[in-house]
Amino acid sequence: MKTRTWALAAAVWTLTAPNAMAQAPTRILSLDQCADQYVLALAPDADLYLSPRADDPDSWMRAAAIGRPRVRPTLEAALAVRPEVVVRTWGGDPRLLWALESRGVRILQIGDAKEMADVQRNTQAAADALGRPDAGRRLVHRMERTLSLSAPSGEERGSALYMTAGGFTAGTGTLIDAILRAAGYANTAGIVGFGPISVERIAVAPPRRFVLGFFDQLRADWRGVGRHPVVRRASAGRVVADLPGAAITCPAWFAADAARMIATGTAR
């Protein structure tokens, strides 16, 4: 399927109605957990149908999802909802999207983000597309305020390594890197994108500081590198923040909250 591209910096797909930005849809279907965050924050007054993961422990808006109907990302379930707009980040396969689009349903694609500015553009673009521009501006302003409180007043706070329970880190070109920089820390991952980190590297050259991620999730890898005794000893007394999965699961406005947690050391 070749999906028509709507030219927005946020990489929003196919808003086919010419006055889509002027009309606020009343029936919205979200196809995945990250899309859930956006629709719950931007259009809480709409008739929302969320993904099955809307209230998982790693969902930032899980409290707001309580009581909302859940829909599996299948064509039969989607058609039963009769949505005006379908919102997604990664959920739904191409056949589902084509089938919905061919029936006149507008598809809103939330773009990925590698920088805080990307998140801000995505947020406002999604808000405009959903007919809630003011809600988007409020979230963007909240991000700006939170980031201003996170930035160091003088020099950088030093260097830090991000690490998950499964033993992965994040280098340049990732939102995690942007979060670390927003909190005033230099990223010592030494890679581009995401990749594994070995116990041997931690043992030979332990980082001065650690920022942990997803260690709070029950489904996290309990036998992963991040929980290895060598890593536990190396990180003892050096953990700047232990970020909850909910703050870093999706490329959304609460990335600023993650930066604030690191800057203040409030997530430990």
Protein backbone atom coordinates (compact mmCIF):
# COMPACT_ATOMS: atom_id res chain seq x y z
CA MET A 1 0.00 0.00 0.00
CA LYS A 2 1.24 3.47 -0.82
CA THR A 3 -0.10 5.88 1.76
CA ARG A 4 -0.55 9.50 0.76
CA THR A 5 1.74 11.81 2.70
CA TRP A 6 0.55 14.98 4.33
CA ALA A 7 3.44 17.49 4.35
CA LEU A 8 3.91 18.27 8.01
CA ALA A 9 7.24 18.29 9.81
CA ALA A 10 5.75 15.88 12.31
CA ALA A 11 5.27 13.25 9.59
CA VAL A 12 1.51 13.12 9.93
CA TRP A 13 -0.17 10.83 7.39
CA THR A 14 -3.34 11.32 5.41
CA LEU A 15 -5.78 13.83 6.73
CA THR A 16 -7.99 13.60 3.69
CA ALA A 17 -10.78 15.99 4.65
CA PRO A 18 -9.90 19.52 3.48
CA ASN A 19 -11.17 21.09 6.70
CA ALA A 20 -9.74 18.40 8.99
CA MET A 21 -7.89 20.92 11.15
CA ALA A 22 -11.01 23.02 11.66
CA GLN A 23 -13.29 20.21 12.77
CA ALA A 24 -12.77 18.41 16.06
CA PRO A 25 -13.58 14.72 15.58
CA THR A 26 -15.85 13.23 18.21
CA ARG A 27 -15.00 9.56 17.67
CA ILE A 28 -11.31 8.67 17.76
CA LEU A 29 -9.66 5.24 17.62
CA SER A 30 -6.09 4.82 18.89
CA LEU A 31 -4.14 1.85 17.55
CA ASP A 32 -1.24 1.67 20.02
CA GLN A 33 -0.06 2.72 23.44
CA CYS A 34 1.87 5.78 22.31
CA ALA A 35 -1.09 7.06 20.31
CA ASP A 36 -3.17 6.53 23.46
CA GLN A 37 -1.05 9.10 25.28
CA TYR A 38 -1.68 11.75 22.66
CA VAL A 39 -5.44 11.30 22.32
CA LEU A 40 -5.96 11.14 26.09
CA ALA A 41 -4.03 14.37 26.61
CA LEU A 42 -5.25 16.30 23.58
CA ALA A 43 -8.86 15.16 23.19
CA PRO A 44 -10.13 13.84 26.54
CA ASP A 45 -13.61 15.15 25.70
CA ALA A 46 -13.88 12.99 22.58
CA ASP A 47 -15.42 9.54 22.29
CA LEU A 48 -12.13 7.66 22.63
CA TYR A 49 -11.41 4.02 21.86
CA LEU A 50 -7.97 3.02 23.08
CA SER A 51 -5.49 0.22 22.52
CA PRO A 52 -5.35 -2.81 24.85
CA ARG A 53 -2.18 -1.39 26.44
CA ALA A 54 -3.65 1.99 27.39
CA ASP A 55 -3.44 1.40 31.14
CA ASP A 56 -0.28 -0.72 31.28
CA PRO A 57 2.24 0.23 33.99
CA ASP A 58 4.47 1.92 31.41
CA SER A 59 1.66 4.19 30.20
CA TRP A 60 2.08 7.82 31.28
CA MET A 61 -1.68 8.51 30.95
CA ARG A 62 -2.82 5.20 32.46
CA ALA A 63 -5.01 6.88 35.09
CA ALA A 64 -6.87 8.81 32.39
CA ALA A 65 -7.41 5.58 30.45
CA ILE A 66 -9.45 3.96 33.22
CA GLY A 67 -13.01 3.33 32.11
CA ARG A 68 -12.31 3.99 28.43
CA PRO A 69 -13.18 1.22 25.94
CA ARG A 70 -10.31 -0.81 24.46
CA VAL A 71 -10.17 -2.06 20.91
CA ARG A 72 -7.81 -4.56 19.33
CA PRO A 73 -6.13 -3.30 16.13
CA THR A 74 -8.12 -5.48 13.76
CA LEU A 75 -10.32 -4.42 10.87
CA GLU A 76 -13.46 -5.97 12.34
CA ALA A 77 -12.99 -4.22 15.68
CA ALA A 78 -12.07 -0.91 14.05
CA LEU A 79 -15.10 -0.91 11.75
CA ALA A 80 -17.39 -1.67 14.67
CA VAL A 81 -16.20 1.55 16.34
CA ARG A 82 -16.92 3.65 13.21
CA PRO A 83 -14.14 6.15 13.95
CA GLU A 84 -13.81 9.53 12.31
CA VAL A 85 -10.07 9.54 12.89
CA VAL A 86 -7.60 6.73 13.61
CA VAL A 87 -4.41 7.74 15.42
CA ARG A 88 -1.24 5.67 15.45
CA THR A 89 2.49 5.74 16.07
CA TRP A 90 3.43 2.11 15.30
CA GLY A 91 0.17 0.15 15.69
CA GLY A 92 -1.86 -1.40 12.88
CA ASP A 93 -0.46 -3.12 9.82
CA PRO A 94 -0.56 -1.62 6.29
CA ARG A 95 -3.58 -3.70 5.27
CA LEU A 96 -5.62 -2.36 8.17
CA LEU A 97 -4.64 1.23 7.41
CA TRP A 98 -5.46 0.80 3.72
CA ALA A 99 -8.83 -0.75 4.51
CA LEU A 100 -9.74 2.09 6.86
CA GLU A 101 -8.51 4.79 4.51
CA SER A 102 -10.40 3.28 1.58
CA ARG A 103 -13.57 3.61 3.67
CA GLY A 104 -12.98 7.30 4.20
CA VAL A 105 -11.42 7.14 7.68
CA ARG A 106 -8.71 9.73 8.28
CA ILE A 107 -5.38 8.30 9.50
CA LEU A 108 -3.21 10.45 11.75
CA GLN A 109 0.41 9.27 12.06
CA ILE A 110 2.39 10.61 15.00
CA GLY A 111 6.00 10.97 13.92
CA ASP A 112 9.10 9.74 15.73
CA ALA A 113 11.26 12.18 17.67
CA LYS A 114 14.98 12.46 18.28
CA GLU A 115 15.01 15.94 19.79
CA MET A 116 12.74 17.86 22.13
CA ALA A 117 11.87 20.19 19.27
CA ASP A 118 10.61 17.17 17.31
CA VAL A 119 8.30 16.28 20.19
CA GLN A 120 6.97 19.82 20.34
CA ARG A 121 6.27 19.87 16.59
CA ASN A 122 4.60 16.45 16.72
CA THR A 123 2.44 17.48 19.65
CA GLN A 124 1.21 20.67 18.04
CA ALA A 125 0.68 19.00 14.66
CA ALA A 126 -1.39 16.24 16.26
CA ALA A 127 -3.39 18.77 18.25
CA ASP A 128 -4.10 20.81 15.12
CA ALA A 129 -5.13 17.70 13.21
CA LEU A 130 -7.51 16.69 15.99
CA GLY A 131 -9.04 20.16 16.12
CA ARG A 132 -7.51 20.90 19.54
CA PRO A 133 -4.81 23.50 18.80
CA ASP A 134 -5.10 25.12 22.23
CA ALA A 135 -4.49 21.78 23.96
CA GLY A 136 -1.36 21.36 21.88
CA ARG A 137 -0.09 24.81 22.79
CA ARG A 138 -0.64 24.08 26.47
CA LEU A 139 1.38 20.86 26.29
CA VAL A 140 4.17 22.56 24.34
CA HIS A 141 4.27 25.39 26.88
CA ARG A 142 4.37 22.87 29.71
CA MET A 143 7.30 21.16 28.02
CA GLU A 144 9.17 24.44 27.66
CA ARG A 145 8.61 25.33 31.28
CA THR A 146 9.74 21.90 32.50
CA LEU A 147 12.84 21.97 30.31
CA SER A 148 13.78 25.42 31.55
CA LEU A 149 13.67 24.09 35.11
CA SER A 150 15.80 21.09 34.13
CA ALA A 151 18.64 22.97 32.46
CA PRO A 152 21.76 23.45 34.61
CA SER A 153 22.37 27.01 35.74
CA GLY A 154 26.11 26.79 35.07
CA GLU A 155 28.30 24.12 33.53
CA GLU A 156 27.20 20.63 32.62
CA ARG A 157 26.53 18.28 35.51
CA GLY A 158 29.00 15.76 34.13
CA SER A 159 28.65 12.58 32.11
CA ALA A 160 26.28 9.65 32.47
CA LEU A 161 25.45 6.33 30.84
CA TYR A 162 21.87 5.31 30.18
CA MET A 163 21.18 1.62 30.73
CA THR A 164 18.12 -0.62 30.71
CA ALA A 165 17.56 -3.76 32.71
CA GLY A 166 18.11 -5.78 29.56
CA GLY A 167 21.53 -4.21 29.05
CA PHE A 168 20.84 -1.69 26.29
CA THR A 169 21.97 1.90 26.04
CA ALA A 170 21.11 4.86 23.80
CA GLY A 171 23.56 7.06 21.95
CA THR A 172 23.30 10.03 19.64
CA GLY A 173 20.26 10.30 17.41
CA THR A 174 17.86 9.13 20.12
CA LEU A 175 15.38 10.92 22.33
CA ILE A 176 17.17 9.46 25.37
CA ASP A 177 20.27 11.37 24.31
CA ALA A 178 18.19 14.54 24.05
CA ILE A 179 16.76 13.89 27.52
CA LEU A 180 20.24 13.51 29.01
CA ARG A 181 21.42 16.72 27.36
CA ALA A 182 18.33 18.59 28.52
CA ALA A 183 19.18 17.53 32.07
CA GLY A 184 22.73 18.81 31.69
CA TYR A 185 24.57 15.50 31.26
CA ALA A 186 26.92 14.38 28.52
CA ASN A 187 26.04 10.98 27.11
CA THR A 188 28.88 8.44 27.37
CA ALA A 189 27.21 5.65 25.38
CA GLY A 190 29.63 6.18 22.52
CA ILE A 191 27.27 4.82 19.86
CA VAL A 192 24.70 6.03 17.38
CA GLY A 193 21.17 4.87 18.11
CA PHE A 194 20.39 2.01 20.46
CA GLY A 195 22.66 -0.93 21.21
CA PRO A 196 23.75 -3.47 23.82
CA ILE A 197 26.36 -2.77 26.44
CA SER A 198 28.50 -5.52 27.91
CA VAL A 199 29.27 -6.44 31.50
CA GLU A 200 32.95 -6.36 30.54
CA ARG A 201 32.78 -2.70 29.52
CA ILE A 202 31.14 -1.78 32.82
CA ALA A 203 33.73 -3.79 34.76
CA VAL A 204 36.76 -2.35 32.96
CA ALA A 205 35.60 1.28 32.68
CA PRO A 206 32.65 1.92 34.98
CA PRO A 207 30.81 5.16 34.17
CA ARG A 208 30.92 7.96 36.69
CA ARG A 209 27.12 8.11 36.70
CA PHE A 210 24.25 5.89 35.60
CA VAL A 211 20.75 6.75 34.42
CA LEU A 212 18.62 3.62 34.58
CA GLY A 213 15.48 2.94 32.58
CA PHE A 214 12.63 0.43 32.74
CA PHE A 215 13.88 -1.24 35.91
CA ASP A 216 10.44 -0.67 37.43
CA GLN A 217 8.63 -2.86 34.90
CA LEU A 218 7.62 -6.36 35.96
CA ARG A 219 8.25 -7.64 32.46
CA ALA A 220 11.78 -6.21 32.43
CA ASP A 221 14.55 -8.74 31.87
CA TRP A 222 15.36 -10.05 35.35
CA ARG A 223 18.42 -11.84 34.01
CA GLY A 224 19.59 -9.02 31.80
CA VAL A 225 22.98 -7.34 31.85
CA GLY A 226 21.54 -4.40 33.74
CA ARG A 227 20.88 -6.63 36.76
CA HIS A 228 24.23 -8.42 36.68
CA PRO A 229 26.14 -8.34 40.04
CA VAL A 230 29.06 -6.56 38.37
CA VAL A 231 26.76 -3.83 37.12
CA ARG A 232 25.04 -3.53 40.48
CA ARG A 233 28.38 -3.05 42.21
CA ALA A 234 29.61 -0.58 39.60
CA SER A 235 26.45 1.51 39.79
CA ALA A 236 26.17 1.54 43.60
CA GLY A 237 26.09 5.17 44.70
CA ARG A 238 26.34 6.37 41.11
CA VAL A 239 22.73 6.23 39.96
CA VAL A 240 21.54 9.73 39.09
CA ALA A 241 18.01 8.59 38.29
CA ASP A 242 16.05 5.38 37.83
CA LEU A 243 13.50 6.47 35.27
CA PRO A 244 10.08 4.81 35.29
CA GLY A 245 9.20 3.16 32.01
CA ALA A 246 6.15 5.39 31.68
CA ALA A 247 8.37 8.46 31.29
CA ILE A 248 10.43 7.10 28.39
CA THR A 249 8.26 4.55 26.58
CA CYS A 250 6.94 6.98 23.97
CA PRO A 251 8.33 10.01 22.14
CA ALA A 252 5.93 12.45 23.76
CA TRP A 253 5.83 15.66 25.81
CA PHE A 254 6.67 13.85 29.07
CA ALA A 255 10.24 13.42 27.82
CA ALA A 256 10.66 16.81 29.48
CA ASP A 257 9.51 15.27 32.77
CA ALA A 258 12.15 12.56 32.38
CA ALA A 259 14.79 15.26 31.97
CA ARG A 260 13.49 16.96 35.09
CA MET A 261 13.71 13.69 37.04
CA ILE A 262 17.35 13.32 36.01
CA ALA A 263 18.20 16.93 36.76
CA THR A 264 16.70 16.81 40.25
CA GLY A 265 17.49 13.19 41.09
CA THR A 266 13.87 12.62 42.06
CA ALA A 267 13.56 9.22 40.34
CA ARG A 268 15.72 6.84 42.35
